Amino acid sequence: MRKLPGTLPTRTTATSAVDEVPGLDELPGLDEVPGVDRMLDVERIPGVHKAPGRRFVGAHRRRRRASGSAPTTDGADSRGRVSAPGRRRVRVAVLESATHPTADRLDEEFEVVMRLPAPPRVEQLDALLLLCRPKMLLMKQPLDAVDPRLMAACLTRQVDLLVLARPTYGLLRPARLRRIGGLLWVHVRWPSGRPACGRVKRTLDVALVLLSLPLLLPVMLLILVAVGMRGPALYFQHRVGEGGRLFRIVKFRTMRTDAEHGLGPQLATPNDRRVTSIGRTLRRSRLDELPQLWNVLRGDMSLVGPRPERPEFVDEFKRLPHYDLRHLIRPGLTGVAQLTGGYAATAEEKLRFDLLYLSYRSLRLDLTLLVLTLADMLRGFPRG
């Protein structure tokens, strides 16, 4: 293994945990990693004798002070960076985006121990996290670009993972967003099921549906009569729900009865020619989704969540990273994707919004999305 500045002498007989990290000897350019000479805390590595380490690190620090790199008495180091007296700066690692470089001021607030291009090799990144021991890993990419193996490495090394926030993330509570180095970041949490919150959410869904039925039933009856004058009023279709289970969704029919004749399943588009004149109005205001309140009462769906897709499309979309995570919870009548992209949103954009909701869902966020949905229904969903 390449000898790093600040490592133990070769006469040490104990085995360091760093030597056991796979892929560490393959790391290119470790000698050029900024601050690598001060990253190795010998006393914190299990299996290393402390006495030789103290003497070695102490001599190394004396050499640094002699060269003028140690902090001065006024709280600033030789590079002019000011920090609180007697307080260590938090170590952070940064993953830079190769396609969309973004300037930052992280060096003014933190000790940036390394900057690597994204996406990194997970094995090498895991080795560097063990070697550098940063407190946070700042990834200059959106939430959908996060690799599950990268999240697992951060969890194992107890490193907080943050990604750049997008405008859509403003739906979250301000406490979930952090401004660091002149940029807005959001802390990444692994999407998981929470039984207690799920029961409260289910109770809220049923209560809101029952309370709204006296107002919505007359509207639904009028739509039923108007659509039924030119064919079947209701349209049934199989969709993929929680856990990948199939269920039958019910909607008001908005397309011609022969819309898929000879064509097969096709995704709806903003100006779809298969849509009828009445159907265009219903889709614009999302009133065609009202019969799905029955699916909510049955437990197939929730009021808020990722929109359920047809099994034919799910088989195609599984090529997208993390797509199966959408099926951790019940699908919904409305969601972040419907409020931000509408029918014009691509599968990748919808997945990005769904992952955002999965990671930060809460009852407060659900109520916010429901209020925004009602407002967009009155305005006719300007995004289509």
Protein backbone atom coordinates (compact mmCIF):
# COMPACT_ATOMS: atom_id res chain seq x y z
CA MET A 1 0.00 0.00 0.00
CA ARG A 2 1.24 3.52 -0.84
CA LYS A 3 2.70 5.23 2.18
CA LEU A 4 0.75 8.34 3.12
CA PRO A 5 2.19 11.38 4.90
CA GLY A 6 1.34 10.97 8.56
CA THR A 7 1.02 7.16 8.62
CA LEU A 8 2.69 4.97 11.24
CA PRO A 9 6.25 3.69 10.76
CA THR A 10 6.53 0.26 9.18
CA ARG A 11 7.92 -1.23 12.41
CA THR A 12 4.46 -1.11 14.02
CA THR A 13 3.34 -4.68 14.47
CA ALA A 14 -0.34 -3.97 15.11
CA THR A 15 -2.79 -4.13 12.22
CA SER A 16 -4.52 -0.89 11.34
CA ALA A 17 -8.18 -0.88 10.36
CA VAL A 18 -7.26 1.20 7.33
CA ASP A 19 -5.20 -1.68 5.86
CA GLU A 20 -8.26 -3.89 5.90
CA VAL A 21 -10.37 -1.57 3.76
CA PRO A 22 -10.89 -3.12 0.29
CA GLY A 23 -9.75 -1.02 -2.62
CA LEU A 24 -7.69 1.42 -0.54
CA ASP A 25 -4.47 0.50 -2.30
CA GLU A 26 -6.15 1.28 -5.63
CA LEU A 27 -6.97 4.87 -4.76
CA PRO A 28 -5.45 7.22 -7.35
CA GLY A 29 -3.66 10.34 -6.20
CA LEU A 30 -4.15 9.99 -2.45
CA ASP A 31 -1.01 12.02 -1.91
CA GLU A 32 -2.72 14.94 -3.62
CA VAL A 33 -5.87 14.84 -1.45
CA PRO A 34 -6.02 18.22 0.36
CA GLY A 35 -5.28 17.91 4.07
CA VAL A 36 -4.46 14.20 3.98
CA ASP A 37 -1.47 14.84 6.25
CA ARG A 38 -3.80 15.89 9.07
CA MET A 39 -6.65 13.44 8.53
CA LEU A 40 -5.24 10.40 10.33
CA ASP A 41 -6.11 10.34 14.00
CA VAL A 42 -4.00 7.44 15.19
CA GLU A 43 -5.57 7.20 18.61
CA ARG A 44 -9.02 6.55 17.11
CA ILE A 45 -7.98 3.63 14.92
CA PRO A 46 -8.51 0.29 16.68
CA GLY A 47 -5.56 -2.10 16.81
CA VAL A 48 -2.81 0.56 16.73
CA HIS A 49 -0.45 1.03 19.67
CA LYS A 50 -0.98 4.48 21.11
CA ALA A 51 2.55 5.20 22.36
CA PRO A 52 4.33 5.19 18.96
CA GLY A 53 1.38 7.03 17.45
CA ARG A 54 1.56 9.86 19.98
CA ARG A 55 5.27 10.38 19.43
CA PHE A 56 4.85 10.32 15.66
CA VAL A 57 1.82 12.64 15.55
CA GLY A 58 3.40 14.96 18.09
CA ALA A 59 6.54 15.31 15.97
CA HIS A 60 4.41 15.86 12.89
CA ARG A 61 2.45 18.65 14.60
CA ARG A 62 5.69 20.30 15.77
CA ARG A 63 6.91 20.34 12.17
CA ARG A 64 3.63 21.95 11.06
CA ARG A 65 3.88 24.65 13.74
CA ALA A 66 7.48 25.34 12.73
CA SER A 67 6.37 25.75 9.10
CA GLY A 68 3.74 28.33 10.10
CA SER A 69 0.59 26.32 9.26
CA ALA A 70 -0.72 26.15 12.82
CA PRO A 71 -3.50 28.49 13.93
CA THR A 72 -2.33 31.80 15.34
CA THR A 73 -3.46 33.42 18.55
CA ASP A 74 -6.00 35.66 16.83
CA GLY A 75 -8.02 32.66 15.58
CA ALA A 76 -6.83 32.69 11.95
CA ASP A 77 -4.50 30.19 10.32
CA SER A 78 -1.73 30.89 7.82
CA ARG A 79 -4.24 30.85 4.97
CA GLY A 80 -6.28 33.67 6.48
CA ARG A 81 -9.28 31.53 7.43
CA VAL A 82 -10.85 32.64 10.69
CA SER A 83 -12.30 30.15 13.14
CA ALA A 84 -13.56 30.36 16.69
CA PRO A 85 -10.73 30.32 19.27
CA GLY A 86 -10.15 26.81 20.61
CA ARG A 87 -12.81 25.32 18.38
CA ARG A 88 -12.18 22.69 15.70
CA ARG A 89 -13.75 23.26 12.30
CA VAL A 90 -16.18 20.60 11.16
CA ARG A 91 -14.74 18.27 8.54
CA VAL A 92 -16.72 17.85 5.34
CA ALA A 93 -16.18 15.99 2.07
CA VAL A 94 -17.63 17.24 -1.21
CA LEU A 95 -18.72 15.32 -4.30
CA GLU A 96 -18.53 17.71 -7.23
CA SER A 97 -20.85 17.42 -10.24
CA ALA A 98 -18.85 16.98 -13.43
CA THR A 99 -21.70 18.17 -15.69
CA HIS A 100 -23.00 21.12 -13.63
CA PRO A 101 -20.18 22.59 -11.52
CA THR A 102 -21.43 24.85 -8.73
CA ALA A 103 -19.31 27.38 -6.87
CA ASP A 104 -19.49 27.40 -3.08
CA ARG A 105 -17.97 29.00 0.00
CA LEU A 106 -17.53 25.82 2.00
CA ASP A 107 -13.86 26.52 2.72
CA GLU A 108 -14.89 29.60 4.69
CA GLU A 109 -17.11 27.63 7.07
CA PHE A 110 -15.67 24.11 7.23
CA GLU A 111 -12.52 22.11 6.87
CA VAL A 112 -12.96 20.57 3.42
CA VAL A 113 -10.89 17.41 3.63
CA MET A 114 -11.46 16.31 0.02
CA ARG A 115 -13.31 17.09 -3.19
CA LEU A 116 -14.08 14.19 -5.52
CA PRO A 117 -15.94 13.98 -8.83
CA ALA A 118 -19.40 12.42 -8.75
CA PRO A 119 -20.36 9.67 -9.05
CA PRO A 120 -17.48 8.09 -7.14
CA ARG A 121 -16.51 4.46 -6.83
CA VAL A 122 -18.32 3.38 -3.69
CA GLU A 123 -15.46 1.15 -2.49
CA GLN A 124 -12.94 3.97 -2.78
CA LEU A 125 -15.30 6.48 -1.19
CA ASP A 126 -15.89 4.13 1.74
CA ALA A 127 -12.11 3.87 2.23
CA LEU A 128 -11.72 7.65 2.16
CA LEU A 129 -14.58 8.13 4.63
CA LEU A 130 -12.78 5.82 7.04
CA LEU A 131 -9.46 7.57 6.46
CA CYS A 132 -10.62 11.20 6.52
CA ARG A 133 -13.49 10.82 9.01
CA PRO A 134 -15.63 13.77 7.78
CA LYS A 135 -18.77 14.75 9.65
CA MET A 136 -20.77 15.43 6.47
CA LEU A 137 -20.66 14.37 2.83
CA LEU A 138 -22.04 17.12 0.58
CA MET A 139 -23.16 15.83 -2.81
CA LYS A 140 -23.75 18.47 -5.49
CA GLN A 141 -26.43 16.40 -7.20
CA PRO A 142 -30.20 15.94 -6.74
CA LEU A 143 -31.86 13.33 -4.58
CA ASP A 144 -32.50 10.86 -7.42
CA ALA A 145 -28.76 10.62 -8.13
CA VAL A 146 -27.99 9.12 -4.72
CA ASP A 147 -26.77 5.52 -4.90
CA PRO A 148 -28.14 3.23 -2.15
CA ARG A 149 -24.62 1.82 -1.66
CA LEU A 150 -23.36 5.36 -1.06
CA MET A 151 -26.07 5.87 1.56
CA ALA A 152 -25.11 2.57 3.19
CA ALA A 153 -21.45 3.63 3.31
CA CYS A 154 -22.38 6.93 4.95
CA LEU A 155 -24.59 5.12 7.46
CA THR A 156 -21.81 2.68 8.31
CA ARG A 157 -19.22 5.45 8.77
CA GLN A 158 -21.71 7.70 10.63
CA VAL A 159 -21.43 10.46 8.03
CA ASP A 160 -24.39 12.77 7.32
CA LEU A 161 -25.28 12.85 3.61
CA LEU A 162 -26.67 16.07 2.11
CA VAL A 163 -27.67 16.83 -1.48
CA LEU A 164 -28.36 20.09 -3.28
CA ALA A 165 -31.94 21.28 -2.86
CA ARG A 166 -34.15 21.92 -5.87
CA PRO A 167 -37.00 24.48 -6.07
CA THR A 168 -39.50 21.67 -5.46
CA TYR A 169 -37.95 20.98 -2.07
CA GLY A 170 -39.48 24.25 -0.85
CA LEU A 171 -42.58 22.19 -0.03
CA LEU A 172 -40.65 20.79 2.91
CA ARG A 173 -40.48 22.45 6.28
CA PRO A 174 -37.71 25.07 6.48
CA ALA A 175 -36.11 23.03 9.27
CA ARG A 176 -35.40 20.27 6.74
CA LEU A 177 -33.35 22.64 4.56
CA ARG A 178 -29.89 23.90 5.49
CA ARG A 179 -27.89 26.75 3.95
CA ILE A 180 -24.22 25.75 3.89
CA GLY A 181 -21.44 27.45 1.99
CA GLY A 182 -23.86 29.75 0.19
CA LEU A 183 -25.95 26.84 -1.15
CA LEU A 184 -29.19 25.23 -0.01
CA TRP A 185 -28.94 21.56 1.00
CA VAL A 186 -31.33 18.89 2.20
CA HIS A 187 -30.43 16.02 4.52
CA VAL A 188 -30.98 12.60 2.96
CA ARG A 189 -32.93 10.01 4.91
CA TRP A 190 -33.52 6.46 3.81
CA PRO A 191 -37.17 5.93 2.75
CA SER A 192 -38.79 3.45 5.11
CA GLY A 193 -42.18 2.48 6.39
CA ARG A 194 -43.32 3.94 9.70
CA PRO A 195 -46.29 1.90 11.05
CA ALA A 196 -47.44 4.50 13.60
CA CYS A 197 -47.49 7.34 11.07
CA GLY A 198 -49.15 5.01 8.57
CA ARG A 199 -52.07 4.36 10.90
CA VAL A 200 -52.56 8.07 11.60
CA LYS A 201 -52.37 8.82 7.88
CA ARG A 202 -54.94 6.11 7.15
CA THR A 203 -57.31 7.53 9.78
CA LEU A 204 -56.91 11.01 8.32
CA ASP A 205 -57.61 9.72 4.79
CA VAL A 206 -60.87 8.05 5.77
CA ALA A 207 -62.01 11.03 7.86
CA LEU A 208 -61.36 13.55 5.08
CA VAL A 209 -63.12 11.40 2.46
CA LEU A 210 -66.22 10.94 4.62
CA LEU A 211 -66.36 14.65 5.45
CA SER A 212 -66.06 15.67 1.80
CA LEU A 213 -68.63 13.23 0.39
CA PRO A 214 -71.70 15.46 1.03
CA LEU A 215 -70.09 18.17 -1.12
CA LEU A 216 -68.60 15.92 -3.80
CA LEU A 217 -71.45 13.44 -4.37
CA PRO A 218 -73.68 15.97 -6.28
CA VAL A 219 -70.71 16.93 -8.49
CA MET A 220 -69.93 13.29 -9.18
CA LEU A 221 -73.55 12.56 -10.13
CA LEU A 222 -73.58 15.43 -12.64
CA ILE A 223 -70.34 14.19 -14.21
CA LEU A 224 -71.70 10.64 -14.29
CA VAL A 225 -74.74 11.78 -16.29
CA ALA A 226 -72.73 14.02 -18.67
CA VAL A 227 -70.11 11.38 -19.52
CA GLY A 228 -72.64 8.54 -19.66
CA MET A 229 -74.54 10.17 -22.52
CA ARG A 230 -71.85 9.02 -24.99
CA GLY A 231 -70.79 5.67 -23.63
CA PRO A 232 -69.67 4.13 -20.35
CA ALA A 233 -69.18 6.76 -17.66
CA LEU A 234 -66.70 4.84 -15.54
CA TYR A 235 -63.36 3.36 -16.57
CA PHE A 236 -61.66 0.51 -14.69
CA GLN A 237 -57.97 -0.28 -15.00
CA HIS A 238 -55.34 -2.35 -13.19
CA ARG A 239 -52.63 -0.41 -11.37
CA VAL A 240 -49.65 -1.36 -9.18
CA GLY A 241 -50.05 -0.40 -5.53
CA GLU A 242 -48.25 -0.83 -2.23
CA GLY A 243 -45.86 -3.77 -2.18
CA GLY A 244 -46.28 -4.26 -5.93
CA ARG A 245 -49.83 -5.61 -5.52
CA LEU A 246 -52.35 -5.08 -8.32
CA PHE A 247 -55.71 -3.39 -7.73
CA ARG A 248 -58.50 -1.99 -9.90
CA ILE A 249 -58.62 1.76 -10.13
CA VAL A 250 -61.86 3.56 -11.10
CA LYS A 251 -62.04 6.88 -12.97
CA PHE A 252 -64.47 8.86 -15.05
CA ARG A 253 -63.87 8.01 -18.70
CA THR A 254 -62.09 10.88 -20.47
CA MET A 255 -60.97 9.15 -23.68
CA ARG A 256 -62.70 7.53 -26.61
CA THR A 257 -63.83 3.95 -26.07
CA ASP A 258 -61.40 2.78 -28.78
CA ALA A 259 -58.46 4.88 -27.48
CA GLU A 260 -56.07 1.92 -27.29
CA HIS A 261 -57.45 -0.13 -30.15
CA GLY A 262 -54.51 -1.42 -32.16
CA LEU A 263 -52.07 0.74 -30.21
CA GLY A 264 -51.81 -0.95 -26.83
CA PRO A 265 -51.09 0.84 -23.53
CA GLN A 266 -49.78 4.38 -24.00
CA LEU A 267 -48.97 7.17 -21.58
CA ALA A 268 -51.18 10.24 -21.66
CA THR A 269 -49.69 13.42 -23.15
CA PRO A 270 -50.65 17.09 -22.55
CA ASN A 271 -52.52 17.41 -25.88
CA ASP A 272 -53.65 13.82 -26.32
CA ARG A 273 -55.99 13.47 -29.32
CA ARG A 274 -57.73 10.48 -27.74
CA VAL A 275 -59.28 12.73 -25.07
CA THR A 276 -62.93 13.77 -25.57
CA SER A 277 -64.16 17.35 -25.20
CA ILE A 278 -65.77 16.64 -21.82
CA GLY A 279 -62.76 14.56 -20.82
CA ARG A 280 -60.41 17.47 -21.52
CA THR A 281 -62.28 19.62 -19.01
CA LEU A 282 -62.33 16.84 -16.44
CA ARG A 283 -58.60 16.14 -16.82
CA ARG A 284 -57.77 19.83 -16.64
CA SER A 285 -59.47 20.12 -13.25
CA ARG A 286 -58.61 16.54 -12.16
CA LEU A 287 -62.30 15.84 -11.54
CA ASP A 288 -61.91 12.55 -13.43
CA GLU A 289 -60.02 11.24 -10.37
CA LEU A 290 -62.93 11.71 -7.94
CA PRO A 291 -64.20 8.09 -8.19
CA GLN A 292 -60.87 7.01 -6.73
CA LEU A 293 -62.16 8.13 -3.35
CA TRP A 294 -63.70 4.66 -3.35
CA ASN A 295 -60.19 3.20 -3.70
CA VAL A 296 -59.10 5.35 -0.76
CA LEU A 297 -61.94 3.99 1.42
CA ARG A 298 -61.07 0.44 0.38
CA GLY A 299 -57.44 0.96 1.42
CA ASP A 300 -55.96 0.56 -2.06
CA MET A 301 -54.86 4.19 -2.17
CA SER A 302 -54.21 7.24 -0.01
CA LEU A 303 -55.11 10.87 -0.61
CA VAL A 304 -51.43 11.82 -1.02
CA GLY A 305 -48.69 9.65 -2.46
CA PRO A 306 -47.02 8.55 -5.69
CA ARG A 307 -49.50 8.08 -8.51
CA PRO A 308 -50.10 4.38 -9.31
CA GLU A 309 -48.91 3.22 -12.73
CA ARG A 310 -50.12 0.45 -15.00
CA PRO A 311 -48.16 -2.82 -14.74
CA GLU A 312 -47.07 -2.50 -18.38
CA PHE A 313 -45.37 0.80 -17.62
CA VAL A 314 -43.92 -0.39 -14.30
CA ASP A 315 -42.05 -3.17 -16.11
CA GLU A 316 -40.51 -0.51 -18.34
CA PHE A 317 -39.76 2.02 -15.58
CA LYS A 318 -37.97 -0.51 -13.37
CA ARG A 319 -34.80 0.33 -15.30
CA LEU A 320 -34.73 3.64 -13.42
CA PRO A 321 -32.67 3.57 -10.19
CA HIS A 322 -34.73 3.24 -6.99
CA TYR A 323 -38.04 2.95 -8.87
CA ASP A 324 -39.23 0.10 -6.63
CA LEU A 325 -39.06 2.45 -3.63
CA ARG A 326 -42.31 4.04 -4.86
CA HIS A 327 -44.13 0.86 -3.80
CA LEU A 328 -43.13 1.16 -0.13
CA ILE A 329 -46.32 3.11 0.59
CA ARG A 330 -49.85 3.37 -0.77
CA PRO A 331 -50.24 5.32 -4.01
CA GLY A 332 -52.19 8.56 -3.84
CA LEU A 333 -54.74 10.73 -5.57
CA THR A 334 -52.31 13.64 -5.68
CA GLY A 335 -48.64 14.20 -5.01
CA VAL A 336 -45.62 16.39 -5.60
CA ALA A 337 -45.28 15.21 -9.22
CA GLN A 338 -48.86 16.16 -10.07
CA LEU A 339 -48.48 19.64 -8.57
CA THR A 340 -45.15 20.41 -10.23
CA GLY A 341 -45.11 18.55 -13.53
CA GLY A 342 -48.60 17.43 -14.49
CA TYR A 343 -49.05 15.22 -17.54
CA ALA A 344 -45.97 16.75 -19.20
CA ALA A 345 -43.56 15.39 -16.56
CA THR A 346 -41.29 12.56 -17.68
CA ALA A 347 -40.93 9.28 -15.80
CA GLU A 348 -37.55 10.43 -14.45
CA GLU A 349 -39.01 13.71 -13.16
CA LYS A 350 -41.95 11.95 -11.53
CA LEU A 351 -39.60 9.51 -9.83
CA ARG A 352 -37.50 12.39 -8.50
CA PHE A 353 -40.59 13.99 -6.95
CA ASP A 354 -41.79 10.66 -5.54
CA LEU A 355 -38.42 10.01 -3.88
CA LEU A 356 -38.61 13.48 -2.36
CA TYR A 357 -42.01 12.69 -0.86
CA LEU A 358 -40.89 9.25 0.33
CA SER A 359 -37.93 10.68 2.20
CA TYR A 360 -39.70 13.61 3.86
CA ARG A 361 -43.37 12.68 4.08
CA SER A 362 -45.31 13.87 7.10
CA LEU A 363 -48.87 14.76 8.01
CA ARG A 364 -48.02 18.43 7.68
CA LEU A 365 -46.66 17.87 4.18
CA ASP A 366 -49.78 15.86 3.26
CA LEU A 367 -52.07 18.68 4.37
CA THR A 368 -49.94 21.21 2.47
CA LEU A 369 -50.17 19.15 -0.73
CA LEU A 370 -53.94 18.74 -0.32
CA VAL A 371 -54.43 22.50 0.06
CA LEU A 372 -52.25 23.14 -3.01
CA THR A 373 -54.25 20.52 -4.94
CA LEU A 374 -57.57 22.23 -4.12
CA ALA A 375 -56.14 25.57 -5.21
CA ASP A 376 -54.91 24.09 -8.50
CA MET A 377 -58.28 22.42 -9.09
CA LEU A 378 -59.94 25.84 -8.91
CA ARG A 379 -57.34 27.31 -11.26
CA GLY A 380 -57.53 24.38 -13.68
CA PHE A 381 -54.04 22.95 -13.04
CA PRO A 382 -52.01 25.43 -15.13
CA ARG A 383 -49.25 22.84 -15.59
CA GLY A 384 -51.62 20.55 -17.49
